[in-house]
C-alpha atoms as a PDB file:
ATOM      1  CA  MET A   1       0.000   0.000   0.000  1.00  0.00           C
ATOM      2  CA  GLU A   2       1.263   3.468  -0.924  1.00  0.00           C
ATOM      3  CA  GLY A   3       2.027   5.910   1.909  1.00  0.00           C
ATOM      4  CA  ALA A   4      -0.323   8.749   2.660  1.00  0.00           C
ATOM      5  CA  GLY A   5       0.107  11.724   0.325  1.00  0.00           C
ATOM      6  CA  LYS A   6       2.144   9.804  -2.278  1.00  0.00           C
ATOM      7  CA  PRO A   7       0.743   9.488  -5.772  1.00  0.00           C
ATOM      8  CA  SER A   8       0.298   6.056  -7.293  1.00  0.00           C
ATOM      9  CA  LEU A   9       3.048   4.962  -9.706  1.00  0.00           C
ATOM     10  CA  GLN A  10       1.153   2.141 -11.370  1.00  0.00           C
ATOM     11  CA  ARG A  11       1.127   3.779 -14.805  1.00  0.00           C
ATOM     12  CA  ALA A  12       4.629   5.291 -14.802  1.00  0.00           C
ATOM     13  CA  PRO A  13       6.916   3.511 -17.303  1.00  0.00           C
ATOM     14  CA  HIS A  14      10.078   1.847 -15.965  1.00  0.00           C
ATOM     15  CA  VAL A  15       9.118   2.596 -12.342  1.00  0.00           C
ATOM     16  CA  SER A  16       8.360  -0.156  -9.865  1.00  0.00           C
ATOM     17  CA  GLY A  17       7.631   1.944  -6.775  1.00  0.00           C
ATOM     18  CA  TRP A  18       8.845   4.522  -4.279  1.00  0.00           C
ATOM     19  CA  VAL A  19      12.297   4.158  -2.705  1.00  0.00           C
ATOM     20  CA  ASN A  20      11.890   3.124   0.909  1.00  0.00           C
ATOM     21  CA  PHE A  21      13.895   1.701   3.758  1.00  0.00           C
ATOM     22  CA  GLU A  22      11.916  -0.649   5.990  1.00  0.00           C
ATOM     23  CA  GLY A  23       8.704   0.971   4.773  1.00  0.00           C
ATOM     24  CA  VAL A  24       9.899   4.560   5.303  1.00  0.00           C
ATOM     25  CA  SER A  25      10.535   6.819   2.280  1.00  0.00           C
ATOM     26  CA  PRO A  26      13.360   9.307   2.909  1.00  0.00           C
ATOM     27  CA  ALA A  27      12.697  13.021   2.418  1.00  0.00           C
ATOM     28  CA  VAL A  28      14.787  14.944  -0.117  1.00  0.00           C
ATOM     29  CA  PRO A  29      15.479  18.582   0.867  1.00  0.00           C
ATOM     30  CA  ASP A  30      14.137  21.276  -1.467  1.00  0.00           C
ATOM     31  CA  GLU A  31      17.671  22.652  -1.967  1.00  0.00           C
ATOM     32  CA  VAL A  32      18.832  19.308  -3.408  1.00  0.00           C
ATOM     33  CA  VAL A  33      15.853  19.159  -5.786  1.00  0.00           C
ATOM     34  CA  SER A  34      16.490  22.774  -6.915  1.00  0.00           C
ATOM     35  CA  GLU A  35      20.193  22.048  -7.514  1.00  0.00           C
ATOM     36  CA  LEU A  36      19.376  18.942  -9.569  1.00  0.00           C
ATOM     37  CA  ALA A  37      16.822  20.889 -11.621  1.00  0.00           C
ATOM     38  CA  SER A  38      19.334  23.670 -12.368  1.00  0.00           C
ATOM     39  CA  ARG A  39      22.019  21.143 -13.386  1.00  0.00           C
ATOM     40  CA  ILE A  40      19.595  19.370 -15.721  1.00  0.00           C
ATOM     41  CA  GLU A  41      18.566  22.699 -17.252  1.00  0.00           C
ATOM     42  CA  SER A  42      22.239  23.614 -17.776  1.00  0.00           C
ATOM     43  CA  ILE A  43      22.943  20.260 -19.467  1.00  0.00           C
ATOM     44  CA  ASN A  44      19.885  20.622 -21.731  1.00  0.00           C
ATOM     45  CA  ASP A  45      20.816  24.211 -22.667  1.00  0.00           C
ATOM     46  CA  SER A  46      24.250  23.030 -23.811  1.00  0.00           C
ATOM     47  CA  GLY A  47      22.775  20.416 -26.166  1.00  0.00           C
ATOM     48  CA  GLY A  48      22.344  17.482 -23.815  1.00  0.00           C
ATOM     49  CA  LEU A  49      24.886  15.011 -22.533  1.00  0.00           C
ATOM     50  CA  TRP A  50      26.389  14.567 -25.991  1.00  0.00           C
ATOM     51  CA  ARG A  51      26.104  16.691 -29.093  1.00  0.00           C
ATOM     52  CA  ARG A  52      23.770  15.242 -31.670  1.00  0.00           C
ATOM     53  CA  PHE A  53      24.794  16.055 -35.223  1.00  0.00           C
ATOM     54  CA  LYS A  54      21.895  16.333 -37.667  1.00  0.00           C
ATOM     55  CA  ALA A  55      21.905  15.657 -41.389  1.00  0.00           C
ATOM     56  CA  GLY A  56      23.343  18.698 -43.143  1.00  0.00           C
ATOM     57  CA  ASP A  57      25.554  19.822 -40.235  1.00  0.00           C
ATOM     58  CA  ARG A  58      29.082  20.805 -41.259  1.00  0.00           C
ATOM     59  CA  VAL A  59      31.786  19.130 -39.183  1.00  0.00           C
ATOM     60  CA  ARG A  60      35.548  18.891 -38.857  1.00  0.00           C
ATOM     61  CA  ILE A  61      36.773  15.291 -38.850  1.00  0.00           C
ATOM     62  CA  VAL A  62      39.768  14.627 -36.618  1.00  0.00           C
ATOM     63  CA  SER A  63      40.629  10.951 -36.382  1.00  0.00           C
ATOM     64  CA  GLY A  64      44.267  10.058 -35.852  1.00  0.00           C
ATOM     65  CA  LYS A  65      46.162  11.079 -38.983  1.00  0.00           C
ATOM     66  CA  LEU A  66      42.935  11.716 -40.904  1.00  0.00           C
ATOM     67  CA  GLU A  67      41.653  15.284 -40.767  1.00  0.00           C
ATOM     68  CA  GLY A  68      39.264  17.171 -42.985  1.00  0.00           C
ATOM     69  CA  LEU A  69      35.891  18.778 -43.449  1.00  0.00           C
ATOM     70  CA  GLY A  70      32.651  16.951 -43.918  1.00  0.00           C
ATOM     71  CA  GLU A  71      28.891  17.128 -43.932  1.00  0.00           C
ATOM     72  CA  VAL A  72      26.700  14.800 -41.908  1.00  0.00           C
ATOM     73  CA  ILE A  73      24.530  12.555 -44.118  1.00  0.00           C
ATOM     74  CA  GLU A  74      22.861  10.523 -41.383  1.00  0.00           C
ATOM     75  CA  SER A  75      22.837  11.208 -37.659  1.00  0.00           C
ATOM     76  CA  THR A  76      23.482   8.677 -34.928  1.00  0.00           C
ATOM     77  CA  ASN A  77      21.455   7.608 -31.912  1.00  0.00           C
ATOM     78  CA  SER A  78      24.345   7.193 -29.484  1.00  0.00           C
ATOM     79  CA  PRO A  79      27.887   8.489 -29.042  1.00  0.00           C
ATOM     80  CA  GLN A  80      29.222   4.914 -29.337  1.00  0.00           C
ATOM     81  CA  SER A  81      28.045   4.466 -32.934  1.00  0.00           C
ATOM     82  CA  LYS A  82      29.441   5.878 -36.152  1.00  0.00           C
ATOM     83  CA  VAL A  83      28.124   8.868 -38.078  1.00  0.00           C
ATOM     84  CA  ARG A  84      27.754   8.788 -41.874  1.00  0.00           C
ATOM     85  CA  VAL A  85      29.396  11.821 -43.452  1.00  0.00           C
ATOM     86  CA  LEU A  86      30.350  13.134 -46.884  1.00  0.00           C
ATOM     87  CA  MET A  87      34.032  13.844 -46.505  1.00  0.00           C
ATOM     88  CA  ASP A  88      36.299  15.977 -48.645  1.00  0.00           C
ATOM     89  CA  PHE A  89      39.136  13.611 -49.550  1.00  0.00           C
ATOM     90  CA  MET A  90      41.710  14.622 -52.170  1.00  0.00           C
ATOM     91  CA  GLY A  91      39.282  17.017 -53.818  1.00  0.00           C
ATOM     92  CA  ARG A  92      36.398  14.558 -53.957  1.00  0.00           C
ATOM     93  CA  LEU A  93      33.397  14.072 -51.724  1.00  0.00           C
ATOM     94  CA  ILE A  94      33.267  10.488 -50.506  1.00  0.00           C
ATOM     95  CA  PRO A  95      30.848   8.848 -48.063  1.00  0.00           C
ATOM     96  CA  ALA A  96      32.484   7.608 -44.880  1.00  0.00           C
ATOM     97  CA  GLN A  97      31.529   6.292 -41.459  1.00  0.00           C
ATOM     98  CA  VAL A  98      33.345   8.135 -38.698  1.00  0.00           C
ATOM     99  CA  PRO A  99      33.234   7.585 -34.925  1.00  0.00           C
ATOM    100  CA  TRP A 100      31.144  10.247 -33.195  1.00  0.00           C
ATOM    101  CA  SER A 101      34.131  11.137 -30.989  1.00  0.00           C
ATOM    102  CA  SER A 102      36.127  12.146 -34.098  1.00  0.00           C
ATOM    103  CA  LEU A 103      33.708  14.927 -35.083  1.00  0.00           C
ATOM    104  CA  GLN A 104      33.874  18.574 -34.077  1.00  0.00           C
ATOM    105  CA  PRO A 105      31.180  21.083 -35.012  1.00  0.00           C
ATOM    106  CA  LEU A 106      32.046  23.819 -37.485  1.00  0.00           C
ATOM    107  CA  GLU A 107      30.440  26.813 -35.801  1.00  0.00           C
ATOM    108  CA  ASN A 108      31.437  29.282 -38.486  1.00  0.00           C
ATOM    109  CA  TYR A 109      31.482  27.266 -41.694  1.00  0.00           C
ATOM    110  CA  ALA A 110      30.966  30.287 -43.942  1.00  0.00           C
ATOM    111  CA  ASP A 111      34.746  30.707 -43.972  1.00  0.00           C
ATOM    112  CA  GLU A 112      35.424  27.031 -44.587  1.00  0.00           C
ATOM    113  CA  GLN A 113      33.937  25.222 -47.550  1.00  0.00           C
ATOM    114  CA  LEU A 114      33.939  21.519 -48.258  1.00  0.00           C
ATOM    115  CA  ARG A 115      35.505  22.054 -51.659  1.00  0.00           C
ATOM    116  CA  PRO A 116      38.078  24.749 -52.284  1.00  0.00           C
ATOM    117  CA  PRO A 117      37.355  26.965 -55.309  1.00  0.00           C
ATOM    118  CA  ARG A 118      38.753  25.672 -58.582  1.00  0.00           C
ATOM    119  CA  ARG A 119      41.860  27.418 -59.840  1.00  0.00           C
ATOM    120  CA  THR A 120      42.403  25.512 -63.081  1.00  0.00           C
ATOM    121  CA  ARG A 121      40.319  23.968 -65.843  1.00  0.00           C
ATOM    122  CA  GLY A 122      42.461  20.861 -65.726  1.00  0.00           C
ATOM    123  CA  ARG A 123      45.982  20.151 -66.998  1.00  0.00           C
ATOM    124  CA  GLY A 124      47.200  23.332 -65.339  1.00  0.00           C
ATOM    125  CA  ARG A 125      45.115  25.694 -67.496  1.00  0.00           C
ATOM    126  CA  PRO A 126      43.986  28.629 -65.315  1.00  0.00           C
ATOM    127  CA  ILE A 127      40.369  29.696 -65.166  1.00  0.00           C
ATOM    128  CA  ARG A 128      40.033  33.176 -66.567  1.00  0.00           C
ATOM    129  CA  THR A 129      37.068  35.153 -65.383  1.00  0.00           C
ATOM    130  CA  PRO A 130      35.622  37.399 -68.031  1.00  0.00           C
ATOM    131  CA  LYS A 131      35.990  41.093 -67.352  1.00  0.00           C
ATOM    132  CA  PRO A 132      32.750  42.982 -67.202  1.00  0.00           C
ATOM    133  CA  ALA A 133      32.002  44.900 -70.388  1.00  0.00           C
ATOM    134  CA  SER A 134      32.200  48.611 -69.964  1.00  0.00           C
ATOM    135  CA  VAL A 135      28.862  50.337 -70.235  1.00  0.00           C
ATOM    136  CA  VAL A 136      28.736  53.342 -72.518  1.00  0.00           C
ATOM    137  CA  ALA A 137      26.018  55.904 -71.845  1.00  0.00           C
ATOM    138  CA  SER A 138      24.152  56.938 -74.944  1.00  0.00           C
END
């Protein structure tokens, strides 16, 4: 039988009952509950216990000797699994599976692009940009 003033936990998932010692439930001070609530809020405000990368997020891949930029194709459900990314490797975008721990977010990816701008048309021929035609007033 539940103690007086305690709500029933029959419908709560993954809960079997109130914590008690020889039939007595210990009281938790309000200060402890407030501290726990503020810590949980702080963790949630910083993105949770681990950063979840979403499809389309730009990331820096740092894994041993392998380093580069990439874009997340498919997110992961846990930090122990691998994340599918499109990785810039020798000028080509290739799909790869990278451990979550090897990814760092690119906060300001406007400065860093996955592919550097082309400088040649192939075989060392430079790309010449056409000069704008001068406009003559009539």
